[in-house]
Amino acid sequence: MRAGGSAAAMLGLALALVLLCGARGGLGADPIIVTTPNVTSGSNVQLYCNISGAASAITGHKWIKKEAVLQSDDTSSHQTVYDLNEVNTDTSGEYVCKFLTNPPAEGIVFVTVKPHVLVYKKSEHGNEGDTGVLICKCSSYPSVTEWTWYKKENEQYLRIVNGTDNRFFIKSSGNKTELHIVNLDIEKDPGEYFCNGTNEVGQDGATVSLRVRSRLAALWPFLGIVAEVLVLVTIIFIYEKRRKPDEVLDDDDGGSAPLKSNATNHKDKNVRQRNSN
C-alpha cells in the first residue's frame, strides 16, 4: 500500500508540475501581431496592425519611422491604423506599430519602392592626369542591392567592369556608388556615364557628363594675370614716353623768355634816345 500510495503521489506531483509549466508558458508567450502586407504603390493607403494575446491591457499605440513618432493615442483597441497619402521615395521605409502593453509589443509594416537614382553632379570636371570621381546616390527603401556603371560609346552603353585597365574602380555601399577613373585621359575619358541601381522592387538610373581639361588649364588664370600686368606696364611706359617731349618744349620756352625781355628793353632805350634828340 505504501508503494502504491507513493507512486500515486509522485504522479500527482508530476501532473502539477506540467500544469504549472504550461501556465507559465501561456503567460510568457509572445503576442501575435498581424500587419499590412508589403506595400509597393498607391495613394491614400491605410497601414494597420492587429494584436492578439497581449501580455497585459493595452494603454495606447504609437506609429514610428526612423525613431520619429508619427502618430500616438491612448486608446485600448487591439488594432491601430496609420494613413499614408502616397507611396513614393520619401514615404518608403519601415513603419513600426507599437502597442503600449507591459512589456510593449511591436510590428513592422514595409513600404517599398524601386530605386530613385540621382547623380551628385550632372556634370563633373577633371584635369588631365588626375583622378576623376563620379557619384550616384539613392534615398528610397529598400537599399540598392546592385550598382552598375556604363559609358556611352557610339550611341551604346558599354558596361564598366571594376578594375578595367587598372584605371576604373567602382566603390559601392548601400544607397551610394562612386566611379573612380585614375589618370584621366583628355581623349578617351570625356563623355557620358550611366549609373544603374537595382533592388528587390525594380531598377533606375541616371546620367552624368565628364569633361577633362588640359594640364595647362590650371595655368590660364595665372597667365591671364601676367598678361594684364604686362599691358598695364606697357601703357604706363608709353604714357611716360609721350610726356617727355612736352616737358623739354616747356624748358626751351622758359629759356628764351629773357631774350624777349632784352629785346623789349633795347627798343624802349632807342625810343628814349630819339625823344631826347
C-alpha atoms as a PDB file:
ATOM      1  CA  MET A   1       0.000   0.000   0.000  1.00  0.00           C
ATOM      2  CA  ARG A   2       2.821   2.326   0.794  1.00  0.00           C
ATOM      3  CA  ALA A   3       4.406   1.685  -2.622  1.00  0.00           C
ATOM      4  CA  GLY A   4       1.101   2.338  -4.427  1.00  0.00           C
ATOM      5  CA  GLY A   5       0.487   5.484  -2.402  1.00  0.00           C
ATOM      6  CA  SER A   6       3.970   6.733  -3.111  1.00  0.00           C
ATOM      7  CA  ALA A   7       3.533   6.145  -6.838  1.00  0.00           C
ATOM      8  CA  ALA A   8       0.209   7.993  -6.868  1.00  0.00           C
ATOM      9  CA  ALA A   9       1.760  10.908  -5.022  1.00  0.00           C
ATOM     10  CA  MET A  10       4.631  11.132  -7.472  1.00  0.00           C
ATOM     11  CA  LEU A  11       2.201  11.020 -10.426  1.00  0.00           C
ATOM     12  CA  GLY A  12       0.147  13.818  -8.926  1.00  0.00           C
ATOM     13  CA  LEU A  13       3.256  15.918  -8.372  1.00  0.00           C
ATOM     14  CA  ALA A  14       4.333  15.381 -11.978  1.00  0.00           C
ATOM     15  CA  LEU A  15       0.898  16.446 -13.280  1.00  0.00           C
ATOM     16  CA  ALA A  16       1.023  19.549 -11.100  1.00  0.00           C
ATOM     17  CA  LEU A  17       4.451  20.496 -12.483  1.00  0.00           C
ATOM     18  CA  VAL A  18       3.232  20.032 -16.062  1.00  0.00           C
ATOM     19  CA  LEU A  19       0.193  22.217 -15.427  1.00  0.00           C
ATOM     20  CA  LEU A  20       2.374  24.855 -13.735  1.00  0.00           C
ATOM     21  CA  CYS A  21       4.863  24.934 -16.596  1.00  0.00           C
ATOM     22  CA  GLY A  22       2.018  25.103 -19.102  1.00  0.00           C
ATOM     23  CA  ALA A  23       0.505  28.044 -17.261  1.00  0.00           C
ATOM     24  CA  ARG A  24       3.837  29.869 -17.152  1.00  0.00           C
ATOM     25  CA  GLY A  25       4.371  29.171 -20.852  1.00  0.00           C
ATOM     26  CA  GLY A  26       0.976  30.655 -21.649  1.00  0.00           C
ATOM     27  CA  LEU A  27       1.682  33.761 -19.625  1.00  0.00           C
ATOM     28  CA  GLY A  28       5.145  34.224 -21.159  1.00  0.00           C
ATOM     29  CA  ALA A  29       4.136  33.574 -24.812  1.00  0.00           C
ATOM     30  CA  ASP A  30       4.723  36.432 -27.263  1.00  0.00           C
ATOM     31  CA  PRO A  31       1.593  38.115 -28.640  1.00  0.00           C
ATOM     32  CA  ILE A  32       0.677  37.649 -32.293  1.00  0.00           C
ATOM     33  CA  ILE A  33       0.662  40.831 -34.426  1.00  0.00           C
ATOM     34  CA  VAL A  34      -0.830  40.791 -37.913  1.00  0.00           C
ATOM     35  CA  THR A  35       0.292  43.681 -40.148  1.00  0.00           C
ATOM     36  CA  THR A  36      -0.441  45.121 -43.586  1.00  0.00           C
ATOM     37  CA  PRO A  37       1.281  43.110 -46.340  1.00  0.00           C
ATOM     38  CA  ASN A  38       4.239  44.719 -48.094  1.00  0.00           C
ATOM     39  CA  VAL A  39       3.109  47.998 -49.721  1.00  0.00           C
ATOM     40  CA  THR A  40       4.759  48.955 -53.026  1.00  0.00           C
ATOM     41  CA  SER A  41       2.473  51.581 -54.571  1.00  0.00           C
ATOM     42  CA  GLY A  42      -0.772  53.501 -54.288  1.00  0.00           C
ATOM     43  CA  SER A  43      -2.331  56.610 -52.779  1.00  0.00           C
ATOM     44  CA  ASN A  44      -4.498  57.022 -49.668  1.00  0.00           C
ATOM     45  CA  VAL A  45      -3.031  53.772 -48.358  1.00  0.00           C
ATOM     46  CA  GLN A  46      -4.000  52.578 -44.877  1.00  0.00           C
ATOM     47  CA  LEU A  47      -1.383  50.761 -42.791  1.00  0.00           C
ATOM     48  CA  TYR A  48      -2.712  48.642 -39.944  1.00  0.00           C
ATOM     49  CA  CYS A  49      -1.580  46.332 -37.143  1.00  0.00           C
ATOM     50  CA  ASN A  50      -3.753  43.936 -35.128  1.00  0.00           C
ATOM     51  CA  ILE A  51      -2.654  42.242 -31.893  1.00  0.00           C
ATOM     52  CA  SER A  52      -3.894  39.106 -30.177  1.00  0.00           C
ATOM     53  CA  GLY A  53      -2.655  37.518 -26.967  1.00  0.00           C
ATOM     54  CA  ALA A  54      -1.384  40.768 -25.459  1.00  0.00           C
ATOM     55  CA  ALA A  55       0.631  40.300 -22.259  1.00  0.00           C
ATOM     56  CA  SER A  56      -1.399  42.964 -20.449  1.00  0.00           C
ATOM     57  CA  ALA A  57      -4.026  45.614 -21.002  1.00  0.00           C
ATOM     58  CA  ILE A  58      -3.388  47.989 -23.928  1.00  0.00           C
ATOM     59  CA  THR A  59      -2.972  51.617 -22.822  1.00  0.00           C
ATOM     60  CA  GLY A  60      -2.178  53.209 -26.177  1.00  0.00           C
ATOM     61  CA  HIS A  61      -0.476  52.961 -29.580  1.00  0.00           C
ATOM     62  CA  LYS A  62       2.377  54.608 -31.496  1.00  0.00           C
ATOM     63  CA  TRP A  63       3.493  54.662 -35.119  1.00  0.00           C
ATOM     64  CA  ILE A  64       7.238  55.209 -35.526  1.00  0.00           C
ATOM     65  CA  LYS A  65       9.558  55.661 -38.523  1.00  0.00           C
ATOM     66  CA  LYS A  66      13.307  56.096 -38.115  1.00  0.00           C
ATOM     67  CA  GLU A  67      12.845  56.749 -34.373  1.00  0.00           C
ATOM     68  CA  ALA A  68      10.427  59.620 -35.118  1.00  0.00           C
ATOM     69  CA  VAL A  69       6.919  59.287 -33.651  1.00  0.00           C
ATOM     70  CA  LEU A  70       4.415  59.872 -36.469  1.00  0.00           C
ATOM     71  CA  GLN A  71       1.219  59.226 -34.504  1.00  0.00           C
ATOM     72  CA  SER A  72       0.182  58.264 -30.977  1.00  0.00           C
ATOM     73  CA  ASP A  73      -3.005  57.708 -28.938  1.00  0.00           C
ATOM     74  CA  ASP A  74      -4.136  56.332 -25.579  1.00  0.00           C
ATOM     75  CA  THR A  75      -6.922  54.003 -26.700  1.00  0.00           C
ATOM     76  CA  SER A  76      -7.217  50.318 -25.737  1.00  0.00           C
ATOM     77  CA  SER A  77      -8.115  48.956 -29.178  1.00  0.00           C
ATOM     78  CA  HIS A  78      -6.499  45.752 -30.414  1.00  0.00           C
ATOM     79  CA  GLN A  79      -5.997  47.426 -33.809  1.00  0.00           C
ATOM     80  CA  THR A  80      -4.152  50.589 -34.830  1.00  0.00           C
ATOM     81  CA  VAL A  81      -4.174  52.351 -38.213  1.00  0.00           C
ATOM     82  CA  TYR A  82      -1.921  54.894 -39.965  1.00  0.00           C
ATOM     83  CA  ASP A  83      -2.965  56.721 -43.149  1.00  0.00           C
ATOM     84  CA  LEU A  84      -0.360  57.225 -45.879  1.00  0.00           C
ATOM     85  CA  ASN A  85      -1.232  59.805 -48.538  1.00  0.00           C
ATOM     86  CA  GLU A  86       1.046  58.409 -51.233  1.00  0.00           C
ATOM     87  CA  VAL A  87       3.678  55.736 -51.661  1.00  0.00           C
ATOM     88  CA  ASN A  88       6.856  57.292 -53.081  1.00  0.00           C
ATOM     89  CA  THR A  89      10.584  57.625 -52.416  1.00  0.00           C
ATOM     90  CA  ASP A  90      10.096  59.914 -49.422  1.00  0.00           C
ATOM     91  CA  THR A  91       7.429  57.783 -47.739  1.00  0.00           C
ATOM     92  CA  SER A  92       9.110  54.433 -48.317  1.00  0.00           C
ATOM     93  CA  GLY A  93      10.671  52.701 -45.322  1.00  0.00           C
ATOM     94  CA  GLU A  94       9.881  50.641 -42.226  1.00  0.00           C
ATOM     95  CA  TYR A  95       6.845  51.698 -40.166  1.00  0.00           C
ATOM     96  CA  VAL A  96       6.739  50.358 -36.607  1.00  0.00           C
ATOM     97  CA  CYS A  97       3.365  49.952 -34.910  1.00  0.00           C
ATOM     98  CA  LYS A  98       3.828  49.834 -31.148  1.00  0.00           C
ATOM     99  CA  PHE A  99       1.221  48.581 -28.662  1.00  0.00           C
ATOM    100  CA  LEU A 100       1.698  50.068 -25.199  1.00  0.00           C
ATOM    101  CA  THR A 101       1.443  46.933 -23.089  1.00  0.00           C
ATOM    102  CA  ASN A 102       3.690  45.521 -20.378  1.00  0.00           C
ATOM    103  CA  PRO A 103       6.074  44.751 -21.975  1.00  0.00           C
ATOM    104  CA  PRO A 104       5.404  46.740 -25.190  1.00  0.00           C
ATOM    105  CA  ALA A 105       4.738  44.791 -28.393  1.00  0.00           C
ATOM    106  CA  GLU A 106       5.762  45.878 -31.896  1.00  0.00           C
ATOM    107  CA  GLY A 107       5.024  45.016 -35.505  1.00  0.00           C
ATOM    108  CA  ILE A 108       6.617  46.304 -38.739  1.00  0.00           C
ATOM    109  CA  VAL A 109       4.946  47.362 -41.989  1.00  0.00           C
ATOM    110  CA  PHE A 110       7.256  47.579 -45.017  1.00  0.00           C
ATOM    111  CA  VAL A 111       6.648  50.265 -47.650  1.00  0.00           C
ATOM    112  CA  THR A 112       8.995  49.551 -50.551  1.00  0.00           C
ATOM    113  CA  VAL A 113       9.611  51.251 -53.908  1.00  0.00           C
ATOM    114  CA  LYS A 114      12.085  50.840 -56.749  1.00  0.00           C
ATOM    115  CA  PRO A 115      15.276  52.928 -56.572  1.00  0.00           C
ATOM    116  CA  HIS A 116      15.156  56.616 -57.440  1.00  0.00           C
ATOM    117  CA  VAL A 117      18.733  57.265 -58.572  1.00  0.00           C
ATOM    118  CA  LEU A 118      20.223  60.766 -58.588  1.00  0.00           C
ATOM    119  CA  VAL A 119      23.692  61.989 -59.550  1.00  0.00           C
ATOM    120  CA  TYR A 120      25.743  64.091 -57.138  1.00  0.00           C
ATOM    121  CA  LYS A 121      26.567  66.474 -60.020  1.00  0.00           C
ATOM    122  CA  LYS A 122      25.138  66.336 -63.533  1.00  0.00           C
ATOM    123  CA  SER A 123      28.485  67.483 -64.924  1.00  0.00           C
ATOM    124  CA  GLU A 124      31.900  66.726 -63.449  1.00  0.00           C
ATOM    125  CA  HIS A 125      35.237  68.297 -64.409  1.00  0.00           C
ATOM    126  CA  GLY A 126      38.731  66.901 -64.001  1.00  0.00           C
ATOM    127  CA  ASN A 127      42.267  67.786 -65.049  1.00  0.00           C
ATOM    128  CA  GLU A 128      44.277  65.553 -67.337  1.00  0.00           C
ATOM    129  CA  GLY A 129      46.340  63.092 -65.316  1.00  0.00           C
ATOM    130  CA  ASP A 130      44.261  63.489 -62.138  1.00  0.00           C
ATOM    131  CA  THR A 131      41.685  61.056 -60.703  1.00  0.00           C
ATOM    132  CA  GLY A 132      38.050  61.757 -61.587  1.00  0.00           C
ATOM    133  CA  VAL A 133      35.194  60.710 -59.277  1.00  0.00           C
ATOM    134  CA  LEU A 134      31.581  60.287 -60.429  1.00  0.00           C
ATOM    135  CA  ILE A 135      28.916  59.769 -57.728  1.00  0.00           C
ATOM    136  CA  CYS A 136      25.339  58.450 -57.774  1.00  0.00           C
ATOM    137  CA  LYS A 137      23.014  58.027 -54.804  1.00  0.00           C
ATOM    138  CA  CYS A 138      19.563  56.745 -53.919  1.00  0.00           C
ATOM    139  CA  SER A 139      17.362  57.613 -50.934  1.00  0.00           C
ATOM    140  CA  SER A 140      14.498  55.149 -51.431  1.00  0.00           C
ATOM    141  CA  TYR A 141      13.772  51.953 -49.462  1.00  0.00           C
ATOM    142  CA  PRO A 142      14.914  49.211 -49.626  1.00  0.00           C
ATOM    143  CA  SER A 143      18.589  49.883 -50.278  1.00  0.00           C
ATOM    144  CA  VAL A 144      20.127  49.192 -53.653  1.00  0.00           C
ATOM    145  CA  THR A 145      21.494  45.662 -53.796  1.00  0.00           C
ATOM    146  CA  GLU A 146      23.448  46.049 -57.056  1.00  0.00           C
ATOM    147  CA  TRP A 147      25.125  49.044 -58.720  1.00  0.00           C
ATOM    148  CA  THR A 148      26.425  49.014 -62.300  1.00  0.00           C
ATOM    149  CA  TRP A 149      28.240  51.665 -64.368  1.00  0.00           C
ATOM    150  CA  TYR A 150      28.235  52.189 -68.133  1.00  0.00           C
ATOM    151  CA  LYS A 151      29.967  54.521 -70.601  1.00  0.00           C
ATOM    152  CA  LYS A 152      28.277  55.751 -73.763  1.00  0.00           C
ATOM    153  CA  GLU A 153      30.262  54.819 -76.880  1.00  0.00           C
ATOM    154  CA  ASN A 154      28.826  55.262 -80.383  1.00  0.00           C
ATOM    155  CA  GLU A 155      25.240  55.508 -79.080  1.00  0.00           C
ATOM    156  CA  GLN A 156      25.706  52.344 -77.000  1.00  0.00           C
ATOM    157  CA  TYR A 157      26.265  51.951 -73.268  1.00  0.00           C
ATOM    158  CA  LEU A 158      29.183  49.655 -72.517  1.00  0.00           C
ATOM    159  CA  ARG A 159      29.402  48.193 -69.025  1.00  0.00           C
ATOM    160  CA  ILE A 160      32.426  49.161 -66.943  1.00  0.00           C
ATOM    161  CA  VAL A 161      33.978  46.276 -65.048  1.00  0.00           C
ATOM    162  CA  ASN A 162      35.639  47.065 -61.745  1.00  0.00           C
ATOM    163  CA  GLY A 163      39.407  47.251 -62.253  1.00  0.00           C
ATOM    164  CA  THR A 164      39.276  47.692 -66.049  1.00  0.00           C
ATOM    165  CA  ASP A 165      42.703  48.734 -67.408  1.00  0.00           C
ATOM    166  CA  ASN A 166      43.696  49.223 -63.782  1.00  0.00           C
ATOM    167  CA  ARG A 167      42.087  52.683 -64.106  1.00  0.00           C
ATOM    168  CA  PHE A 168      38.356  52.200 -63.430  1.00  0.00           C
ATOM    169  CA  PHE A 169      37.339  51.346 -59.855  1.00  0.00           C
ATOM    170  CA  ILE A 170      33.780  51.091 -58.512  1.00  0.00           C
ATOM    171  CA  LYS A 171      33.100  51.641 -54.805  1.00  0.00           C
ATOM    172  CA  SER A 172      29.503  50.943 -53.744  1.00  0.00           C
ATOM    173  CA  SER A 173      27.897  50.957 -50.309  1.00  0.00           C
ATOM    174  CA  GLY A 174      24.132  50.664 -49.883  1.00  0.00           C
ATOM    175  CA  ASN A 175      22.478  53.679 -51.466  1.00  0.00           C
ATOM    176  CA  LYS A 176      25.685  55.274 -52.831  1.00  0.00           C
ATOM    177  CA  THR A 177      28.159  54.374 -55.549  1.00  0.00           C
ATOM    178  CA  GLU A 178      31.364  56.009 -56.816  1.00  0.00           C
ATOM    179  CA  LEU A 179      33.268  55.507 -60.062  1.00  0.00           C
ATOM    180  CA  HIS A 180      36.957  56.426 -59.751  1.00  0.00           C
ATOM    181  CA  ILE A 181      38.865  56.995 -63.004  1.00  0.00           C
ATOM    182  CA  VAL A 182      42.631  57.095 -62.441  1.00  0.00           C
ATOM    183  CA  ASN A 183      44.965  59.163 -64.659  1.00  0.00           C
ATOM    184  CA  LEU A 184      42.302  60.928 -66.710  1.00  0.00           C
ATOM    185  CA  ASP A 185      42.879  60.893 -70.466  1.00  0.00           C
ATOM    186  CA  ILE A 186      41.739  64.017 -72.326  1.00  0.00           C
ATOM    187  CA  GLU A 187      40.928  61.992 -75.460  1.00  0.00           C
ATOM    188  CA  LYS A 188      39.426  58.739 -74.117  1.00  0.00           C
ATOM    189  CA  ASP A 189      37.617  59.579 -70.891  1.00  0.00           C
ATOM    190  CA  PRO A 190      35.335  62.585 -71.610  1.00  0.00           C
ATOM    191  CA  GLY A 191      31.709  61.691 -72.325  1.00  0.00           C
ATOM    192  CA  GLU A 192      28.504  60.415 -70.722  1.00  0.00           C
ATOM    193  CA  TYR A 193      28.473  57.835 -67.939  1.00  0.00           C
ATOM    194  CA  PHE A 194      25.367  55.995 -66.688  1.00  0.00           C
ATOM    195  CA  CYS A 195      24.864  54.537 -63.191  1.00  0.00           C
ATOM    196  CA  ASN A 196      22.135  51.948 -62.584  1.00  0.00           C
ATOM    197  CA  GLY A 197      20.756  50.804 -59.228  1.00  0.00           C
ATOM    198  CA  THR A 198      18.672  47.664 -58.597  1.00  0.00           C
ATOM    199  CA  ASN A 199      16.725  46.479 -55.550  1.00  0.00           C
ATOM    200  CA  GLU A 200      14.044  43.840 -54.928  1.00  0.00           C
ATOM    201  CA  VAL A 201      11.298  46.074 -56.372  1.00  0.00           C
ATOM    202  CA  GLY A 202      12.922  47.359 -59.575  1.00  0.00           C
ATOM    203  CA  GLN A 203      15.712  49.495 -61.010  1.00  0.00           C
ATOM    204  CA  ASP A 204      16.510  53.057 -62.052  1.00  0.00           C
ATOM    205  CA  GLY A 205      19.477  55.032 -63.374  1.00  0.00           C
ATOM    206  CA  ALA A 206      20.922  58.474 -64.089  1.00  0.00           C
ATOM    207  CA  THR A 207      23.491  60.057 -66.431  1.00  0.00           C
ATOM    208  CA  VAL A 208      26.500  62.193 -65.534  1.00  0.00           C
ATOM    209  CA  SER A 209      28.799  64.004 -68.004  1.00  0.00           C
ATOM    210  CA  LEU A 210      32.572  64.093 -67.572  1.00  0.00           C
ATOM    211  CA  ARG A 211      34.804  66.818 -69.023  1.00  0.00           C
ATOM    212  CA  VAL A 212      38.600  66.581 -68.912  1.00  0.00           C
ATOM    213  CA  ARG A 213      40.705  69.748 -69.078  1.00  0.00           C
ATOM    214  CA  SER A 214      44.285  70.113 -70.286  1.00  0.00           C
ATOM    215  CA  ARG A 215      47.091  70.140 -67.734  1.00  0.00           C
ATOM    216  CA  LEU A 216      47.742  73.765 -68.679  1.00  0.00           C
ATOM    217  CA  ALA A 217      44.194  74.726 -67.782  1.00  0.00           C
ATOM    218  CA  ALA A 218      45.233  75.466 -64.209  1.00  0.00           C
ATOM    219  CA  LEU A 219      47.863  77.930 -65.513  1.00  0.00           C
ATOM    220  CA  TRP A 220      45.423  80.041 -67.524  1.00  0.00           C
ATOM    221  CA  PRO A 221      44.341  82.228 -64.577  1.00  0.00           C
ATOM    222  CA  PHE A 222      47.999  82.922 -63.711  1.00  0.00           C
ATOM    223  CA  LEU A 223      48.887  83.651 -67.335  1.00  0.00           C
ATOM    224  CA  GLY A 224      45.909  85.994 -67.544  1.00  0.00           C
ATOM    225  CA  ILE A 225      47.151  87.961 -64.537  1.00  0.00           C
ATOM    226  CA  VAL A 226      50.659  88.177 -66.043  1.00  0.00           C
ATOM    227  CA  ALA A 227      49.209  89.438 -69.332  1.00  0.00           C
ATOM    228  CA  GLU A 228      47.201  92.125 -67.537  1.00  0.00           C
ATOM    229  CA  VAL A 229      50.308  93.303 -65.666  1.00  0.00           C
ATOM    230  CA  LEU A 230      52.309  93.476 -68.917  1.00  0.00           C
ATOM    231  CA  VAL A 231      49.610  95.507 -70.618  1.00  0.00           C
ATOM    232  CA  LEU A 232      49.435  97.899 -67.666  1.00  0.00           C
ATOM    233  CA  VAL A 233      53.238  98.373 -67.636  1.00  0.00           C
ATOM    234  CA  THR A 234      53.240  98.998 -71.400  1.00  0.00           C
ATOM    235  CA  ILE A 235      50.539 101.645 -71.091  1.00  0.00           C
ATOM    236  CA  ILE A 236      52.446 103.414 -68.324  1.00  0.00           C
ATOM    237  CA  PHE A 237      55.683 103.287 -70.347  1.00  0.00           C
ATOM    238  CA  ILE A 238      54.048 104.767 -73.463  1.00  0.00           C
ATOM    239  CA  TYR A 239      52.371 107.479 -71.392  1.00  0.00           C
ATOM    240  CA  GLU A 240      55.656 108.494 -69.782  1.00  0.00           C
ATOM    241  CA  LYS A 241      57.436 108.430 -73.158  1.00  0.00           C
ATOM    242  CA  ARG A 242      54.912 110.825 -74.657  1.00  0.00           C
ATOM    243  CA  ARG A 243      55.134 113.240 -71.757  1.00  0.00           C
ATOM    244  CA  LYS A 244      58.940 113.934 -72.125  1.00  0.00           C
ATOM    245  CA  PRO A 245      58.887 115.988 -75.399  1.00  0.00           C
ATOM    246  CA  ASP A 246      56.291 118.312 -73.878  1.00  0.00           C
ATOM    247  CA  GLU A 247      58.424 118.843 -70.825  1.00  0.00           C
ATOM    248  CA  VAL A 248      61.529 119.676 -72.999  1.00  0.00           C
ATOM    249  CA  LEU A 249      59.486 122.155 -75.029  1.00  0.00           C
ATOM    250  CA  ASP A 250      58.392 123.906 -71.839  1.00  0.00           C
ATOM    251  CA  ASP A 251      62.008 124.218 -70.692  1.00  0.00           C
ATOM    252  CA  ASP A 252      63.085 125.805 -74.020  1.00  0.00           C
ATOM    253  CA  ASP A 253      60.296 128.334 -73.814  1.00  0.00           C
ATOM    254  CA  GLY A 254      61.383 129.254 -70.341  1.00  0.00           C
ATOM    255  CA  GLY A 255      64.994 129.814 -71.518  1.00  0.00           C
ATOM    256  CA  SER A 256      64.042 132.139 -74.396  1.00  0.00           C
ATOM    257  CA  ALA A 257      61.914 134.397 -72.239  1.00  0.00           C
ATOM    258  CA  PRO A 258      64.844 136.598 -71.082  1.00  0.00           C
ATOM    259  CA  LEU A 259      65.855 137.167 -74.722  1.00  0.00           C
ATOM    260  CA  LYS A 260      62.429 138.524 -75.454  1.00  0.00           C
ATOM    261  CA  SER A 261      62.648 140.785 -72.436  1.00  0.00           C
ATOM    262  CA  ASN A 262      66.089 142.154 -73.502  1.00  0.00           C
ATOM    263  CA  ALA A 263      64.823 142.980 -76.987  1.00  0.00           C
ATOM    264  CA  THR A 264      61.942 144.923 -75.492  1.00  0.00           C
ATOM    265  CA  ASN A 265      64.243 146.861 -73.189  1.00  0.00           C
ATOM    266  CA  HIS A 266      66.580 147.709 -76.112  1.00  0.00           C
ATOM    267  CA  LYS A 267      63.641 149.041 -78.136  1.00  0.00           C
ATOM    268  CA  ASP A 268      62.499 151.227 -75.240  1.00  0.00           C
ATOM    269  CA  LYS A 269      66.036 152.638 -74.877  1.00  0.00           C
ATOM    270  CA  ASN A 270      66.161 153.652 -78.593  1.00  0.00           C
ATOM    271  CA  VAL A 271      62.824 155.385 -78.256  1.00  0.00           C
ATOM    272  CA  ARG A 272      64.073 157.458 -75.278  1.00  0.00           C
ATOM    273  CA  GLN A 273      67.224 158.436 -77.164  1.00  0.00           C
ATOM    274  CA  ARG A 274      65.136 159.702 -80.128  1.00  0.00           C
ATOM    275  CA  ASN A 275      62.930 161.700 -77.841  1.00  0.00           C
ATOM    276  CA  SER A 276      65.921 163.317 -76.177  1.00  0.00           C
ATOM    277  CA  ASN A 277      67.288 164.373 -79.548  1.00  0.00           C
END
